[in-house]
Amino acid sequence: MISLEQKIELLQLIFDAYGTPEALAEHLDLAMEMLFYVEEDTFSRDELQEVATAIRGVVRVLRAG
């Protein structure tokens, strides 16, 4: 579980760097698209799937919040 201080720091980062959680979610959606164009043998399939799953989870939280 993250602390209140960590949550505040994360929110500050989001607003300072992206303006809104939705703007960060859009950047993360673009990152997901980029994963489809990674050259073969750069990363394992499992590594790419783990990253995609993490990004989807963050996007879901950003859009729900």
C-alpha atoms as a PDB file:
ATOM      1  CA  MET A   1       0.000   0.000   0.000  1.00  0.00           C
ATOM      2  CA  ILE A   2       1.312   3.455  -0.767  1.00  0.00           C
ATOM      3  CA  SER A   3       1.415   6.163   1.818  1.00  0.00           C
ATOM      4  CA  LEU A   4      -0.513   9.418   1.705  1.00  0.00           C
ATOM      5  CA  GLU A   5       2.756  11.238   1.019  1.00  0.00           C
ATOM      6  CA  GLN A   6       3.434   8.998  -1.982  1.00  0.00           C
ATOM      7  CA  LYS A   7      -0.080   9.600  -3.318  1.00  0.00           C
ATOM      8  CA  ILE A   8       0.374  13.352  -2.986  1.00  0.00           C
ATOM      9  CA  GLU A   9       3.768  13.176  -4.708  1.00  0.00           C
ATOM     10  CA  LEU A  10       2.309  11.107  -7.548  1.00  0.00           C
ATOM     11  CA  LEU A  11      -0.589  13.512  -8.025  1.00  0.00           C
ATOM     12  CA  GLN A  12       1.813  16.455  -8.031  1.00  0.00           C
ATOM     13  CA  LEU A  13       3.939  14.720 -10.673  1.00  0.00           C
ATOM     14  CA  ILE A  14       0.883  14.052 -12.820  1.00  0.00           C
ATOM     15  CA  PHE A  15      -0.334  17.636 -12.633  1.00  0.00           C
ATOM     16  CA  ASP A  16       3.126  19.190 -13.060  1.00  0.00           C
ATOM     17  CA  ALA A  17       4.134  17.029 -16.013  1.00  0.00           C
ATOM     18  CA  TYR A  18       0.820  16.311 -17.753  1.00  0.00           C
ATOM     19  CA  GLY A  19      -1.781  18.746 -16.449  1.00  0.00           C
ATOM     20  CA  THR A  20      -4.459  16.148 -15.803  1.00  0.00           C
ATOM     21  CA  PRO A  21      -4.710  12.419 -15.108  1.00  0.00           C
ATOM     22  CA  GLU A  22      -6.500  12.045 -18.466  1.00  0.00           C
ATOM     23  CA  ALA A  23      -3.523  13.598 -20.294  1.00  0.00           C
ATOM     24  CA  LEU A  24      -1.191  11.083 -18.633  1.00  0.00           C
ATOM     25  CA  ALA A  25      -3.615   8.293 -19.558  1.00  0.00           C
ATOM     26  CA  GLU A  26      -3.394   9.419 -23.199  1.00  0.00           C
ATOM     27  CA  HIS A  27       0.415   9.239 -23.072  1.00  0.00           C
ATOM     28  CA  LEU A  28       0.216   5.774 -21.562  1.00  0.00           C
ATOM     29  CA  ASP A  29      -2.217   4.676 -24.287  1.00  0.00           C
ATOM     30  CA  LEU A  30       0.360   5.825 -26.839  1.00  0.00           C
ATOM     31  CA  ALA A  31       3.026   3.835 -24.991  1.00  0.00           C
ATOM     32  CA  MET A  32       0.794   0.771 -25.283  1.00  0.00           C
ATOM     33  CA  GLU A  33       0.569   1.301 -29.046  1.00  0.00           C
ATOM     34  CA  MET A  34       4.352   1.604 -29.250  1.00  0.00           C
ATOM     35  CA  LEU A  35       4.744  -1.804 -27.642  1.00  0.00           C
ATOM     36  CA  PHE A  36       3.234  -3.345 -30.767  1.00  0.00           C
ATOM     37  CA  TYR A  37       6.105  -2.000 -32.866  1.00  0.00           C
ATOM     38  CA  VAL A  38       9.053  -3.137 -30.759  1.00  0.00           C
ATOM     39  CA  GLU A  39      11.544  -5.096 -32.852  1.00  0.00           C
ATOM     40  CA  GLU A  40      11.661  -8.840 -32.371  1.00  0.00           C
ATOM     41  CA  ASP A  41      14.090 -10.191 -29.808  1.00  0.00           C
ATOM     42  CA  THR A  42      14.364  -6.818 -28.049  1.00  0.00           C
ATOM     43  CA  PHE A  43      12.267  -7.972 -25.095  1.00  0.00           C
ATOM     44  CA  SER A  44      10.600 -11.249 -24.254  1.00  0.00           C
ATOM     45  CA  ARG A  45       6.880 -11.646 -24.803  1.00  0.00           C
ATOM     46  CA  ASP A  46       6.404 -11.990 -21.037  1.00  0.00           C
ATOM     47  CA  GLU A  47       8.255  -8.713 -20.378  1.00  0.00           C
ATOM     48  CA  LEU A  48       6.101  -6.858 -22.900  1.00  0.00           C
ATOM     49  CA  GLN A  49       2.913  -8.338 -21.466  1.00  0.00           C
ATOM     50  CA  GLU A  50       3.915  -7.365 -17.928  1.00  0.00           C
ATOM     51  CA  VAL A  51       4.568  -3.778 -19.021  1.00  0.00           C
ATOM     52  CA  ALA A  52       1.290  -3.634 -20.946  1.00  0.00           C
ATOM     53  CA  THR A  53      -0.619  -4.957 -17.940  1.00  0.00           C
ATOM     54  CA  ALA A  54       0.986  -2.371 -15.656  1.00  0.00           C
ATOM     55  CA  ILE A  55       0.183   0.467 -18.046  1.00  0.00           C
ATOM     56  CA  ARG A  56      -3.428  -0.681 -18.439  1.00  0.00           C
ATOM     57  CA  GLY A  57      -3.818  -0.759 -14.660  1.00  0.00           C
ATOM     58  CA  VAL A  58      -2.500   2.780 -14.290  1.00  0.00           C
ATOM     59  CA  VAL A  59      -4.712   4.034 -17.126  1.00  0.00           C
ATOM     60  CA  ARG A  60      -7.770   2.431 -15.525  1.00  0.00           C
ATOM     61  CA  VAL A  61      -7.024   4.161 -12.192  1.00  0.00           C
ATOM     62  CA  LEU A  62      -6.355   7.532 -13.851  1.00  0.00           C
ATOM     63  CA  ARG A  63      -9.616   7.430 -15.771  1.00  0.00           C
ATOM     64  CA  ALA A  64     -11.636   6.269 -12.754  1.00  0.00           C
ATOM     65  CA  GLY A  65     -10.234   8.922 -10.459  1.00  0.00           C
END
